[in-house]
């Protein structure tokens, strides 16, 4: 990772610094109250554990809305809030989707295949 790129996107109250005793890290240029948020950013990637696949949107990671989640109609393994979230996730999910289908077809036993119809 280019340090120049990282420091360019940091807010002015934070700096990237090296310390012989504490290593490289982010340092505050001012004093803040305990518990203050100094930096917040969206992660580059996030992954749901298997037990949460059917209760959280695979794109925005929001819990299931009252109306319920919509399942990917192809692999039937991941869920979305709505078609907008599904479309946003498609560039990442399309390879996963086809891999899940191939795995299901090649599973060594019926006990290891993906469910054809999910139950909620």
PDB file of N, CA and C in Angstrom:
ATOM      1  N   UNK A   1       0.845  -1.181   0.000  1.00  0.00           N
ATOM      2  CA  UNK A   1       0.000   0.000   0.000  1.00  0.00           C
ATOM      3  C   UNK A   1       0.883   1.235   0.000  1.00  0.00           C
ATOM      4  N   UNK A   2       0.579   2.143  -0.873  1.00  0.00           N
ATOM      5  CA  UNK A   2       1.342   3.381  -0.974  1.00  0.00           C
ATOM      6  C   UNK A   2       0.979   4.301   0.184  1.00  0.00           C
ATOM      7  N   UNK A   3       1.965   4.617   1.012  1.00  0.00           N
ATOM      8  CA  UNK A   3       1.741   5.473   2.182  1.00  0.00           C
ATOM      9  C   UNK A   3       1.199   6.832   1.758  1.00  0.00           C
ATOM     10  N   UNK A   4       1.629   7.332   0.619  1.00  0.00           N
ATOM     11  CA  UNK A   4       1.128   8.607   0.109  1.00  0.00           C
ATOM     12  C   UNK A   4      -0.371   8.585  -0.108  1.00  0.00           C
ATOM     13  N   UNK A   5      -0.889   7.482  -0.634  1.00  0.00           N
ATOM     14  CA  UNK A   5      -2.326   7.354  -0.853  1.00  0.00           C
ATOM     15  C   UNK A   5      -3.078   7.329   0.465  1.00  0.00           C
ATOM     16  N   UNK A   6      -2.527   6.636   1.448  1.00  0.00           N
ATOM     17  CA  UNK A   6      -3.197   6.543   2.744  1.00  0.00           C
ATOM     18  C   UNK A   6      -3.254   7.911   3.412  1.00  0.00           C
ATOM     19  N   UNK A   7      -2.135   8.591   3.478  1.00  0.00           N
ATOM     20  CA  UNK A   7      -2.111   9.878   4.172  1.00  0.00           C
ATOM     21  C   UNK A   7      -2.916  10.936   3.429  1.00  0.00           C
ATOM     22  N   UNK A   8      -3.024  10.805   2.133  1.00  0.00           N
ATOM     23  CA  UNK A   8      -3.801  11.765   1.352  1.00  0.00           C
ATOM     24  C   UNK A   8      -5.273  11.721   1.752  1.00  0.00           C
ATOM     25  N   UNK A   9      -5.786  10.535   2.062  1.00  0.00           N
ATOM     26  CA  UNK A   9      -7.204  10.402   2.365  1.00  0.00           C
ATOM     27  C   UNK A   9      -7.523  10.520   3.857  1.00  0.00           C
ATOM     28  N   UNK A  10      -6.530  10.719   4.709  1.00  0.00           N
ATOM     29  CA  UNK A  10      -6.777  10.872   6.139  1.00  0.00           C
ATOM     30  C   UNK A  10      -7.331  12.254   6.443  1.00  0.00           C
ATOM     31  N   UNK A  11      -8.216  12.341   7.445  1.00  0.00           N
ATOM     32  CA  UNK A  11      -8.671  13.664   7.858  1.00  0.00           C
ATOM     33  C   UNK A  11      -7.498  14.461   8.438  1.00  0.00           C
ATOM     34  N   UNK A  12      -7.580  15.792   8.461  1.00  0.00           N
ATOM     35  CA  UNK A  12      -6.448  16.607   8.898  1.00  0.00           C
ATOM     36  C   UNK A  12      -6.042  16.397  10.363  1.00  0.00           C
ATOM     37  N   UNK A  13      -6.914  15.836  11.180  1.00  0.00           N
ATOM     38  CA  UNK A  13      -6.591  15.629  12.595  1.00  0.00           C
ATOM     39  C   UNK A  13      -5.880  14.301  12.869  1.00  0.00           C
ATOM     40  N   UNK A  14      -5.588  13.530  11.823  1.00  0.00           N
ATOM     41  CA  UNK A  14      -4.949  12.211  11.964  1.00  0.00           C
ATOM     42  C   UNK A  14      -3.710  12.179  11.070  1.00  0.00           C
ATOM     43  N   UNK A  15      -2.652  11.553  11.564  1.00  0.00           N
ATOM     44  CA  UNK A  15      -1.457  11.383  10.731  1.00  0.00           C
ATOM     45  C   UNK A  15      -0.911   9.969  10.872  1.00  0.00           C
ATOM     46  N   UNK A  16      -0.239   9.515   9.833  1.00  0.00           N
ATOM     47  CA  UNK A  16       0.438   8.223   9.845  1.00  0.00           C
ATOM     48  C   UNK A  16       1.856   8.472  10.323  1.00  0.00           C
ATOM     49  N   UNK A  17       2.271   7.715  11.349  1.00  0.00           N
ATOM     50  CA  UNK A  17       3.568   7.968  11.959  1.00  0.00           C
ATOM     51  C   UNK A  17       4.243   6.648  12.317  1.00  0.00           C
ATOM     52  N   UNK A  18       5.575   6.629  12.289  1.00  0.00           N
ATOM     53  CA  UNK A  18       6.368   5.488  12.754  1.00  0.00           C
ATOM     54  C   UNK A  18       6.970   5.821  14.111  1.00  0.00           C
ATOM     55  N   UNK A  19       6.938   4.838  14.999  1.00  0.00           N
ATOM     56  CA  UNK A  19       7.524   5.017  16.322  1.00  0.00           C
ATOM     57  C   UNK A  19       8.400   3.810  16.615  1.00  0.00           C
ATOM     58  N   UNK A  20       9.607   4.045  17.107  1.00  0.00           N
ATOM     59  CA  UNK A  20      10.492   2.928  17.444  1.00  0.00           C
ATOM     60  C   UNK A  20       9.892   2.043  18.536  1.00  0.00           C
ATOM     61  N   UNK A  21       9.170   2.649  19.458  1.00  0.00           N
ATOM     62  CA  UNK A  21       8.623   1.873  20.576  1.00  0.00           C
ATOM     63  C   UNK A  21       7.245   1.283  20.289  1.00  0.00           C
ATOM     64  N   UNK A  22       6.445   1.927  19.409  1.00  0.00           N
ATOM     65  CA  UNK A  22       5.074   1.457  19.184  1.00  0.00           C
ATOM     66  C   UNK A  22       4.772   1.073  17.743  1.00  0.00           C
ATOM     67  N   UNK A  23       5.729   1.192  16.846  1.00  0.00           N
ATOM     68  CA  UNK A  23       5.521   0.797  15.459  1.00  0.00           C
ATOM     69  C   UNK A  23       4.786   1.842  14.643  1.00  0.00           C
ATOM     70  N   UNK A  24       4.353   1.425  13.454  1.00  0.00           N
ATOM     71  CA  UNK A  24       3.639   2.333  12.557  1.00  0.00           C
ATOM     72  C   UNK A  24       2.162   2.342  12.919  1.00  0.00           C
ATOM     73  N   UNK A  25       1.555   3.497  12.870  1.00  0.00           N
ATOM     74  CA  UNK A  25       0.133   3.574  13.181  1.00  0.00           C
ATOM     75  C   UNK A  25      -0.425   4.954  12.932  1.00  0.00           C
ATOM     76  N   UNK A  26      -1.695   5.092  13.230  1.00  0.00           N
ATOM     77  CA  UNK A  26      -2.377   6.368  13.093  1.00  0.00           C
ATOM     78  C   UNK A  26      -2.305   7.101  14.422  1.00  0.00           C
ATOM     79  N   UNK A  27      -2.005   8.373  14.362  1.00  0.00           N
ATOM     80  CA  UNK A  27      -1.854   9.196  15.550  1.00  0.00           C
ATOM     81  C   UNK A  27      -2.747  10.416  15.430  1.00  0.00           C
ATOM     82  N   UNK A  28      -3.340  10.811  16.530  1.00  0.00           N
ATOM     83  CA  UNK A  28      -4.162  12.005  16.570  1.00  0.00           C
ATOM     84  C   UNK A  28      -3.276  13.227  16.783  1.00  0.00           C
ATOM     85  N   UNK A  29      -3.591  14.307  16.081  1.00  0.00           N
ATOM     86  CA  UNK A  29      -2.842  15.557  16.233  1.00  0.00           C
ATOM     87  C   UNK A  29      -3.439  16.447  17.326  1.00  0.00           C
ATOM     88  N   UNK A  30      -4.544  16.025  17.915  1.00  0.00           N
ATOM     89  CA  UNK A  30      -5.209  16.822  18.946  1.00  0.00           C
ATOM     90  C   UNK A  30      -5.694  15.890  20.056  1.00  0.00           C
ATOM     91  N   UNK A  31      -6.107  16.457  21.171  1.00  0.00           N
ATOM     92  CA  UNK A  31      -6.658  15.672  22.276  1.00  0.00           C
ATOM     93  C   UNK A  31      -8.166  15.556  22.094  1.00  0.00           C
ATOM     94  N   UNK A  32      -8.672  14.348  22.319  1.00  0.00           N
ATOM     95  CA  UNK A  32     -10.096  14.092  22.180  1.00  0.00           C
ATOM     96  C   UNK A  32     -10.620  13.406  23.420  1.00  0.00           C
ATOM     97  N   UNK A  33     -11.904  13.567  23.642  1.00  0.00           N
ATOM     98  CA  UNK A  33     -12.584  12.908  24.738  1.00  0.00           C
ATOM     99  C   UNK A  33     -12.572  11.396  24.503  1.00  0.00           C
ATOM    100  N   UNK A  34     -12.437  10.628  25.544  1.00  0.00           N
ATOM    101  CA  UNK A  34     -12.495   9.172  25.442  1.00  0.00           C
ATOM    102  C   UNK A  34     -13.789   8.752  24.760  1.00  0.00           C
ATOM    103  N   UNK A  35     -13.700   7.821  23.851  1.00  0.00           N
ATOM    104  CA  UNK A  35     -14.876   7.322  23.152  1.00  0.00           C
ATOM    105  C   UNK A  35     -15.229   8.089  21.886  1.00  0.00           C
ATOM    106  N   UNK A  36     -14.496   9.144  21.572  1.00  0.00           N
ATOM    107  CA  UNK A  36     -14.760   9.917  20.356  1.00  0.00           C
ATOM    108  C   UNK A  36     -14.365   9.110  19.119  1.00  0.00           C
ATOM    109  N   UNK A  37     -15.131   9.258  18.047  1.00  0.00           N
ATOM    110  CA  UNK A  37     -14.791   8.634  16.778  1.00  0.00           C
ATOM    111  C   UNK A  37     -13.837   9.558  16.036  1.00  0.00           C
ATOM    112  N   UNK A  38     -12.653   9.043  15.722  1.00  0.00           N
ATOM    113  CA  UNK A  38     -11.654   9.852  15.027  1.00  0.00           C
ATOM    114  C   UNK A  38     -11.622   9.556  13.531  1.00  0.00           C
ATOM    115  N   UNK A  39     -11.968   8.343  13.162  1.00  0.00           N
ATOM    116  CA  UNK A  39     -11.905   7.942  11.765  1.00  0.00           C
ATOM    117  C   UNK A  39     -12.938   6.847  11.539  1.00  0.00           C
ATOM    118  N   UNK A  40     -13.736   6.993  10.535  1.00  0.00           N
ATOM    119  CA  UNK A  40     -14.712   5.969  10.176  1.00  0.00           C
ATOM    120  C   UNK A  40     -14.649   5.791   8.668  1.00  0.00           C
ATOM    121  N   UNK A  41     -14.635   4.555   8.221  1.00  0.00           N
ATOM    122  CA  UNK A  41     -14.559   4.278   6.792  1.00  0.00           C
ATOM    123  C   UNK A  41     -15.282   2.981   6.476  1.00  0.00           C
ATOM    124  N   UNK A  42     -15.779   2.898   5.277  1.00  0.00           N
ATOM    125  CA  UNK A  42     -16.439   1.677   4.814  1.00  0.00           C
ATOM    126  C   UNK A  42     -15.360   0.645   4.504  1.00  0.00           C
ATOM    127  N   UNK A  43     -15.539  -0.611   4.923  1.00  0.00           N
ATOM    128  CA  UNK A  43     -14.528  -1.623   4.629  1.00  0.00           C
ATOM    129  C   UNK A  43     -14.435  -1.905   3.132  1.00  0.00           C
ATOM    130  N   UNK A  44     -13.271  -2.340   2.684  1.00  0.00           N
ATOM    131  CA  UNK A  44     -13.102  -2.693   1.272  1.00  0.00           C
ATOM    132  C   UNK A  44     -13.898  -3.939   0.926  1.00  0.00           C
ATOM    133  N   UNK A  45     -14.012  -4.837   1.883  1.00  0.00           N
ATOM    134  CA  UNK A  45     -14.745  -6.089   1.670  1.00  0.00           C
ATOM    135  C   UNK A  45     -15.265  -6.580   3.007  1.00  0.00           C
ATOM    136  N   UNK A  46     -16.382  -7.233   2.989  1.00  0.00           N
ATOM    137  CA  UNK A  46     -16.960  -7.817   4.201  1.00  0.00           C
ATOM    138  C   UNK A  46     -17.561  -9.164   3.822  1.00  0.00           C
ATOM    139  N   UNK A  47     -17.564 -10.077   4.767  1.00  0.00           N
ATOM    140  CA  UNK A  47     -18.077 -11.421   4.512  1.00  0.00           C
ATOM    141  C   UNK A  47     -18.961 -11.835   5.675  1.00  0.00           C
ATOM    142  N   UNK A  48     -20.125 -12.371   5.372  1.00  0.00           N
ATOM    143  CA  UNK A  48     -21.016 -12.900   6.406  1.00  0.00           C
ATOM    144  C   UNK A  48     -20.661 -14.350   6.690  1.00  0.00           C
ATOM    145  N   UNK A  49     -20.748 -14.739   7.935  1.00  0.00           N
ATOM    146  CA  UNK A  49     -20.556 -16.154   8.256  1.00  0.00           C
ATOM    147  C   UNK A  49     -21.795 -16.920   7.789  1.00  0.00           C
ATOM    148  N   UNK A  50     -21.647 -18.215   7.564  1.00  0.00           N
ATOM    149  CA  UNK A  50     -22.742 -19.034   7.035  1.00  0.00           C
ATOM    150  C   UNK A  50     -24.024 -18.907   7.849  1.00  0.00           C
ATOM    151  N   UNK A  51     -23.898 -18.839   9.164  1.00  0.00           N
ATOM    152  CA  UNK A  51     -25.109 -18.800   9.994  1.00  0.00           C
ATOM    153  C   UNK A  51     -25.889 -17.500   9.828  1.00  0.00           C
ATOM    154  N   UNK A  52     -25.265 -16.460   9.253  1.00  0.00           N
ATOM    155  CA  UNK A  52     -25.947 -15.177   9.067  1.00  0.00           C
ATOM    156  C   UNK A  52     -26.374 -14.927   7.622  1.00  0.00           C
ATOM    157  N   UNK A  53     -26.089 -15.847   6.716  1.00  0.00           N
ATOM    158  CA  UNK A  53     -26.405 -15.628   5.302  1.00  0.00           C
ATOM    159  C   UNK A  53     -27.887 -15.373   5.054  1.00  0.00           C
ATOM    160  N   UNK A  54     -28.750 -16.041   5.794  1.00  0.00           N
ATOM    161  CA  UNK A  54     -30.182 -15.888   5.528  1.00  0.00           C
ATOM    162  C   UNK A  54     -30.848 -14.811   6.380  1.00  0.00           C
ATOM    163  N   UNK A  55     -30.091 -14.111   7.212  1.00  0.00           N
ATOM    164  CA  UNK A  55     -30.711 -13.091   8.060  1.00  0.00           C
ATOM    165  C   UNK A  55     -30.119 -11.690   7.865  1.00  0.00           C
ATOM    166  N   UNK A  56     -29.115 -11.564   6.966  1.00  0.00           N
ATOM    167  CA  UNK A  56     -28.504 -10.266   6.676  1.00  0.00           C
ATOM    168  C   UNK A  56     -28.318 -10.116   5.172  1.00  0.00           C
ATOM    169  N   UNK A  57     -28.436  -8.909   4.686  1.00  0.00           N
ATOM    170  CA  UNK A  57     -28.217  -8.621   3.267  1.00  0.00           C
ATOM    171  C   UNK A  57     -26.740  -8.849   2.933  1.00  0.00           C
ATOM    172  N   UNK A  58     -26.469  -9.583   1.879  1.00  0.00           N
ATOM    173  CA  UNK A  58     -25.091  -9.880   1.486  1.00  0.00           C
ATOM    174  C   UNK A  58     -24.382  -8.677   0.875  1.00  0.00           C
ATOM    175  N   UNK A  59     -25.112  -7.623   0.550  1.00  0.00           N
ATOM    176  CA  UNK A  59     -24.474  -6.425   0.011  1.00  0.00           C
ATOM    177  C   UNK A  59     -24.221  -5.390   1.098  1.00  0.00           C
ATOM    178  N   UNK A  60     -25.267  -4.912   1.749  1.00  0.00           N
ATOM    179  CA  UNK A  60     -25.108  -3.810   2.715  1.00  0.00           C
ATOM    180  C   UNK A  60     -24.956  -4.300   4.154  1.00  0.00           C
ATOM    181  N   UNK A  61     -25.124  -5.601   4.372  1.00  0.00           N
ATOM    182  CA  UNK A  61     -24.975  -6.248   5.680  1.00  0.00           C
ATOM    183  C   UNK A  61     -26.033  -5.815   6.686  1.00  0.00           C
ATOM    184  N   UNK A  62     -27.131  -5.226   6.210  1.00  0.00           N
ATOM    185  CA  UNK A  62     -28.226  -4.840   7.106  1.00  0.00           C
ATOM    186  C   UNK A  62     -29.009  -6.078   7.518  1.00  0.00           C
ATOM    187  N   UNK A  63     -29.555  -6.057   8.739  1.00  0.00           N
ATOM    188  CA  UNK A  63     -30.406  -7.184   9.138  1.00  0.00           C
ATOM    189  C   UNK A  63     -31.660  -7.229   8.270  1.00  0.00           C
ATOM    190  N   UNK A  64     -32.296  -8.363   8.252  1.00  0.00           N
ATOM    191  CA  UNK A  64     -33.489  -8.557   7.436  1.00  0.00           C
ATOM    192  C   UNK A  64     -34.555  -7.521   7.762  1.00  0.00           C
ATOM    193  N   UNK A  65     -35.071  -6.829   6.738  1.00  0.00           N
ATOM    194  CA  UNK A  65     -36.161  -5.876   6.992  1.00  0.00           C
ATOM    195  C   UNK A  65     -37.453  -6.630   7.310  1.00  0.00           C
ATOM    196  N   UNK A  66     -38.450  -5.931   7.792  1.00  0.00           N
ATOM    197  CA  UNK A  66     -39.729  -6.559   8.146  1.00  0.00           C
ATOM    198  C   UNK A  66     -40.337  -7.296   6.951  1.00  0.00           C
ATOM    199  N   UNK A  67     -40.089  -6.779   5.750  1.00  0.00           N
ATOM    200  CA  UNK A  67     -40.634  -7.413   4.543  1.00  0.00           C
ATOM    201  C   UNK A  67     -39.862  -8.670   4.152  1.00  0.00           C
ATOM    202  N   UNK A  68     -38.732  -8.915   4.797  1.00  0.00           N
ATOM    203  CA  UNK A  68     -37.925 -10.093   4.499  1.00  0.00           C
ATOM    204  C   UNK A  68     -36.867  -9.814   3.450  1.00  0.00           C
ATOM    205  N   UNK A  69     -35.943 -10.739   3.319  1.00  0.00           N
ATOM    206  CA  UNK A  69     -34.867 -10.633   2.334  1.00  0.00           C
ATOM    207  C   UNK A  69     -35.242 -11.385   1.066  1.00  0.00           C
ATOM    208  N   UNK A  70     -34.644 -10.993  -0.042  1.00  0.00           N
ATOM    209  CA  UNK A  70     -34.861 -11.657  -1.330  1.00  0.00           C
ATOM    210  C   UNK A  70     -33.632 -12.506  -1.639  1.00  0.00           C
ATOM    211  N   UNK A  71     -33.856 -13.746  -2.041  1.00  0.00           N
ATOM    212  CA  UNK A  71     -32.780 -14.695  -2.296  1.00  0.00           C
ATOM    213  C   UNK A  71     -32.278 -14.596  -3.729  1.00  0.00           C
ATOM    214  N   UNK A  72     -30.979 -14.804  -3.920  1.00  0.00           N
ATOM    215  CA  UNK A  72     -30.441 -14.908  -5.275  1.00  0.00           C
ATOM    216  C   UNK A  72     -31.153 -16.074  -5.947  1.00  0.00           C
ATOM    217  N   UNK A  73     -31.766 -15.819  -7.088  1.00  0.00           N
ATOM    218  CA  UNK A  73     -32.561 -16.862  -7.748  1.00  0.00           C
ATOM    219  C   UNK A  73     -31.701 -17.909  -8.450  1.00  0.00           C
ATOM    220  N   UNK A  74     -30.415 -17.639  -8.607  1.00  0.00           N
ATOM    221  CA  UNK A  74     -29.547 -18.582  -9.304  1.00  0.00           C
ATOM    222  C   UNK A  74     -28.911 -19.582  -8.343  1.00  0.00           C
ATOM    223  N   UNK A  75     -28.136 -19.098  -7.372  1.00  0.00           N
ATOM    224  CA  UNK A  75     -27.467 -20.025  -6.446  1.00  0.00           C
ATOM    225  C   UNK A  75     -28.333 -20.328  -5.231  1.00  0.00           C
ATOM    226  N   UNK A  76     -29.247 -19.451  -4.902  1.00  0.00           N
ATOM    227  CA  UNK A  76     -30.167 -19.599  -3.775  1.00  0.00           C
ATOM    228  C   UNK A  76     -29.451 -19.710  -2.422  1.00  0.00           C
ATOM    229  N   UNK A  77     -28.250 -19.108  -2.319  1.00  0.00           N
ATOM    230  CA  UNK A  77     -27.480 -19.167  -1.074  1.00  0.00           C
ATOM    231  C   UNK A  77     -27.351 -17.819  -0.382  1.00  0.00           C
ATOM    232  N   UNK A  78     -27.432 -16.720  -1.114  1.00  0.00           N
ATOM    233  CA  UNK A  78     -27.263 -15.405  -0.515  1.00  0.00           C
ATOM    234  C   UNK A  78     -28.555 -14.605  -0.620  1.00  0.00           C
ATOM    235  N   UNK A  79     -28.692 -13.632   0.261  1.00  0.00           N
ATOM    236  CA  UNK A  79     -29.934 -12.877   0.389  1.00  0.00           C
ATOM    237  C   UNK A  79     -29.658 -11.382   0.280  1.00  0.00           C
ATOM    238  N   UNK A  80     -30.669 -10.649  -0.167  1.00  0.00           N
ATOM    239  CA  UNK A  80     -30.538  -9.212  -0.362  1.00  0.00           C
ATOM    240  C   UNK A  80     -31.778  -8.476   0.133  1.00  0.00           C
ATOM    241  N   UNK A  81     -31.564  -7.209   0.537  1.00  0.00           N
ATOM    242  CA  UNK A  81     -32.682  -6.344   0.961  1.00  0.00           C
ATOM    243  C   UNK A  81     -33.681  -6.160  -0.184  1.00  0.00           C
ATOM    244  N   UNK A  82     -33.116  -5.942  -1.377  1.00  0.00           N
ATOM    245  CA  UNK A  82     -33.945  -5.611  -2.534  1.00  0.00           C
ATOM    246  C   UNK A  82     -33.102  -5.789  -3.805  1.00  0.00           C
ATOM    247  N   UNK A  83     -33.703  -5.487  -4.943  1.00  0.00           N
ATOM    248  CA  UNK A  83     -32.996  -5.665  -6.216  1.00  0.00           C
ATOM    249  C   UNK A  83     -31.831  -4.678  -6.353  1.00  0.00           C
ATOM    250  N   UNK A  84     -31.933  -3.511  -5.727  1.00  0.00           N
ATOM    251  CA  UNK A  84     -30.831  -2.545  -5.788  1.00  0.00           C
ATOM    252  C   UNK A  84     -29.574  -3.135  -5.120  1.00  0.00           C
ATOM    253  N   UNK A  85     -29.742  -3.715  -3.936  1.00  0.00           N
ATOM    254  CA  UNK A  85     -28.593  -4.340  -3.256  1.00  0.00           C
ATOM    255  C   UNK A  85     -28.061  -5.522  -4.069  1.00  0.00           C
ATOM    256  N   UNK A  86     -28.943  -6.300  -4.662  1.00  0.00           N
ATOM    257  CA  UNK A  86     -28.516  -7.441  -5.461  1.00  0.00           C
ATOM    258  C   UNK A  86     -27.702  -6.972  -6.670  1.00  0.00           C
ATOM    259  N   UNK A  87     -28.157  -5.926  -7.334  1.00  0.00           N
ATOM    260  CA  UNK A  87     -27.432  -5.403  -8.500  1.00  0.00           C
ATOM    261  C   UNK A  87     -26.070  -4.836  -8.113  1.00  0.00           C
ATOM    262  N   UNK A  88     -25.996  -4.162  -6.966  1.00  0.00           N
ATOM    263  CA  UNK A  88     -24.713  -3.625  -6.506  1.00  0.00           C
ATOM    264  C   UNK A  88     -23.725  -4.737  -6.181  1.00  0.00           C
ATOM    265  N   UNK A  89     -24.221  -5.851  -5.670  1.00  0.00           N
ATOM    266  CA  UNK A  89     -23.347  -6.960  -5.266  1.00  0.00           C
ATOM    267  C   UNK A  89     -22.975  -7.874  -6.428  1.00  0.00           C
ATOM    268  N   UNK A  90     -23.690  -7.783  -7.539  1.00  0.00           N
ATOM    269  CA  UNK A  90     -23.496  -8.719  -8.645  1.00  0.00           C
ATOM    270  C   UNK A  90     -22.053  -8.809  -9.148  1.00  0.00           C
ATOM    271  N   UNK A  91     -21.310  -7.698  -9.318  1.00  0.00           N
ATOM    272  CA  UNK A  91     -19.927  -7.832  -9.792  1.00  0.00           C
ATOM    273  C   UNK A  91     -19.073  -8.742  -8.905  1.00  0.00           C
ATOM    274  N   UNK A  92     -19.324  -8.757  -7.598  1.00  0.00           N
ATOM    275  CA  UNK A  92     -18.585  -9.657  -6.701  1.00  0.00           C
ATOM    276  C   UNK A  92     -19.233 -11.037  -6.631  1.00  0.00           C
ATOM    277  N   UNK A  93     -20.559 -11.064  -6.611  1.00  0.00           N
ATOM    278  CA  UNK A  93     -21.264 -12.329  -6.398  1.00  0.00           C
ATOM    279  C   UNK A  93     -21.295 -13.229  -7.629  1.00  0.00           C
ATOM    280  N   UNK A  94     -21.158 -12.675  -8.833  1.00  0.00           N
ATOM    281  CA  UNK A  94     -21.348 -13.514 -10.025  1.00  0.00           C
ATOM    282  C   UNK A  94     -20.364 -14.683 -10.081  1.00  0.00           C
ATOM    283  N   UNK A  95     -19.119 -14.491  -9.687  1.00  0.00           N
ATOM    284  CA  UNK A  95     -18.155 -15.604  -9.676  1.00  0.00           C
ATOM    285  C   UNK A  95     -18.473 -16.581  -8.563  1.00  0.00           C
ATOM    286  N   UNK A  96     -18.825 -16.037  -7.408  1.00  0.00           N
ATOM    287  CA  UNK A  96     -19.207 -16.882  -6.280  1.00  0.00           C
ATOM    288  C   UNK A  96     -20.449 -17.697  -6.641  1.00  0.00           C
ATOM    289  N   UNK A  97     -21.392 -17.064  -7.304  1.00  0.00           N
ATOM    290  CA  UNK A  97     -22.649 -17.696  -7.686  1.00  0.00           C
ATOM    291  C   UNK A  97     -22.398 -18.909  -8.586  1.00  0.00           C
ATOM    292  N   UNK A  98     -21.596 -18.714  -9.628  1.00  0.00           N
ATOM    293  CA  UNK A  98     -21.319 -19.842 -10.530  1.00  0.00           C
ATOM    294  C   UNK A  98     -20.492 -20.916  -9.832  1.00  0.00           C
ATOM    295  N   UNK A  99     -19.573 -20.516  -8.943  1.00  0.00           N
ATOM    296  CA  UNK A  99     -18.781 -21.505  -8.204  1.00  0.00           C
ATOM    297  C   UNK A  99     -19.665 -22.327  -7.273  1.00  0.00           C
ATOM    298  N   UNK A 100     -20.631 -21.697  -6.648  1.00  0.00           N
ATOM    299  CA  UNK A 100     -21.553 -22.425  -5.768  1.00  0.00           C
ATOM    300  C   UNK A 100     -22.387 -23.432  -6.559  1.00  0.00           C
ATOM    301  N   UNK A 101     -22.806 -23.037  -7.755  1.00  0.00           N
ATOM    302  CA  UNK A 101     -23.577 -23.958  -8.595  1.00  0.00           C
ATOM    303  C   UNK A 101     -22.727 -25.150  -9.039  1.00  0.00           C
ATOM    304  N   UNK A 102     -21.486 -24.876  -9.464  1.00  0.00           N
ATOM    305  CA  UNK A 102     -20.588 -25.952  -9.883  1.00  0.00           C
ATOM    306  C   UNK A 102     -20.300 -26.900  -8.722  1.00  0.00           C
ATOM    307  N   UNK A 103     -20.084 -26.333  -7.546  1.00  0.00           N
ATOM    308  CA  UNK A 103     -19.811 -27.163  -6.369  1.00  0.00           C
ATOM    309  C   UNK A 103     -21.011 -28.051  -6.058  1.00  0.00           C
ATOM    310  N   UNK A 104     -22.206 -27.489  -6.131  1.00  0.00           N
ATOM    311  CA  UNK A 104     -23.414 -28.257  -5.831  1.00  0.00           C
ATOM    312  C   UNK A 104     -23.568 -29.427  -6.801  1.00  0.00           C
ATOM    313  N   UNK A 105     -23.246 -29.200  -8.073  1.00  0.00           N
ATOM    314  CA  UNK A 105     -23.358 -30.272  -9.068  1.00  0.00           C
ATOM    315  C   UNK A 105     -22.305 -31.362  -8.858  1.00  0.00           C
ATOM    316  N   UNK A 106     -21.136 -30.977  -8.345  1.00  0.00           N
ATOM    317  CA  UNK A 106     -20.043 -31.938  -8.169  1.00  0.00           C
ATOM    318  C   UNK A 106     -19.961 -32.502  -6.755  1.00  0.00           C
ATOM    319  N   UNK A 107     -20.897 -32.154  -5.889  1.00  0.00           N
ATOM    320  CA  UNK A 107     -20.839 -32.619  -4.496  1.00  0.00           C
ATOM    321  C   UNK A 107     -20.804 -34.148  -4.449  1.00  0.00           C
ATOM    322  N   UNK A 108     -19.952 -34.701  -3.592  1.00  0.00           N
ATOM    323  CA  UNK A 108     -19.797 -36.155  -3.539  1.00  0.00           C
ATOM    324  C   UNK A 108     -20.990 -36.900  -2.962  1.00  0.00           C
ATOM    325  N   UNK A 109     -21.883 -36.210  -2.270  1.00  0.00           N
ATOM    326  CA  UNK A 109     -23.058 -36.896  -1.729  1.00  0.00           C
ATOM    327  C   UNK A 109     -24.213 -35.911  -1.637  1.00  0.00           C
ATOM    328  N   UNK A 110     -25.438 -36.424  -1.654  1.00  0.00           N
ATOM    329  CA  UNK A 110     -26.604 -35.540  -1.553  1.00  0.00           C
ATOM    330  C   UNK A 110     -26.624 -34.749  -0.237  1.00  0.00           C
ATOM    331  N   UNK A 111     -25.974 -35.273   0.792  1.00  0.00           N
ATOM    332  CA  UNK A 111     -25.933 -34.576   2.080  1.00  0.00           C
ATOM    333  C   UNK A 111     -25.091 -33.304   2.011  1.00  0.00           C
ATOM    334  N   UNK A 112     -24.214 -33.199   1.016  1.00  0.00           N
ATOM    335  CA  UNK A 112     -23.317 -32.052   0.930  1.00  0.00           C
ATOM    336  C   UNK A 112     -23.732 -31.037  -0.134  1.00  0.00           C
ATOM    337  N   UNK A 113     -24.840 -31.283  -0.817  1.00  0.00           N
ATOM    338  CA  UNK A 113     -25.258 -30.351  -1.863  1.00  0.00           C
ATOM    339  C   UNK A 113     -25.967 -29.139  -1.248  1.00  0.00           C
ATOM    340  N   UNK A 114     -26.069 -28.101  -2.039  1.00  0.00           N
ATOM    341  CA  UNK A 114     -26.792 -26.910  -1.610  1.00  0.00           C
ATOM    342  C   UNK A 114     -28.280 -27.169  -1.722  1.00  0.00           C
ATOM    343  N   UNK A 115     -29.095 -26.586  -0.847  1.00  0.00           N
ATOM    344  CA  UNK A 115     -30.539 -26.811  -0.931  1.00  0.00           C
ATOM    345  C   UNK A 115     -31.108 -26.215  -2.216  1.00  0.00           C
ATOM    346  N   UNK A 116     -32.023 -26.934  -2.855  1.00  0.00           N
ATOM    347  CA  UNK A 116     -32.655 -26.442  -4.082  1.00  0.00           C
ATOM    348  C   UNK A 116     -33.681 -25.364  -3.737  1.00  0.00           C
ATOM    349  N   UNK A 117     -34.436 -25.583  -2.674  1.00  0.00           N
ATOM    350  CA  UNK A 117     -35.425 -24.601  -2.234  1.00  0.00           C
ATOM    351  C   UNK A 117     -35.154 -24.316  -0.766  1.00  0.00           C
ATOM    352  N   UNK A 118     -34.908 -23.069  -0.494  1.00  0.00           N
ATOM    353  CA  UNK A 118     -34.621 -22.689   0.887  1.00  0.00           C
ATOM    354  C   UNK A 118     -35.871 -22.532   1.705  1.00  0.00           C
ATOM    355  N   UNK A 119     -35.761 -22.782   2.973  1.00  0.00           N
ATOM    356  CA  UNK A 119     -36.890 -22.573   3.899  1.00  0.00           C
ATOM    357  C   UNK A 119     -36.520 -21.419   4.809  1.00  0.00           C
ATOM    358  N   UNK A 120     -37.460 -20.586   5.108  1.00  0.00           N
ATOM    359  CA  UNK A 120     -37.242 -19.445   6.004  1.00  0.00           C
ATOM    360  C   UNK A 120     -37.972 -19.683   7.279  1.00  0.00           C
TER     361      UNK A 120
END
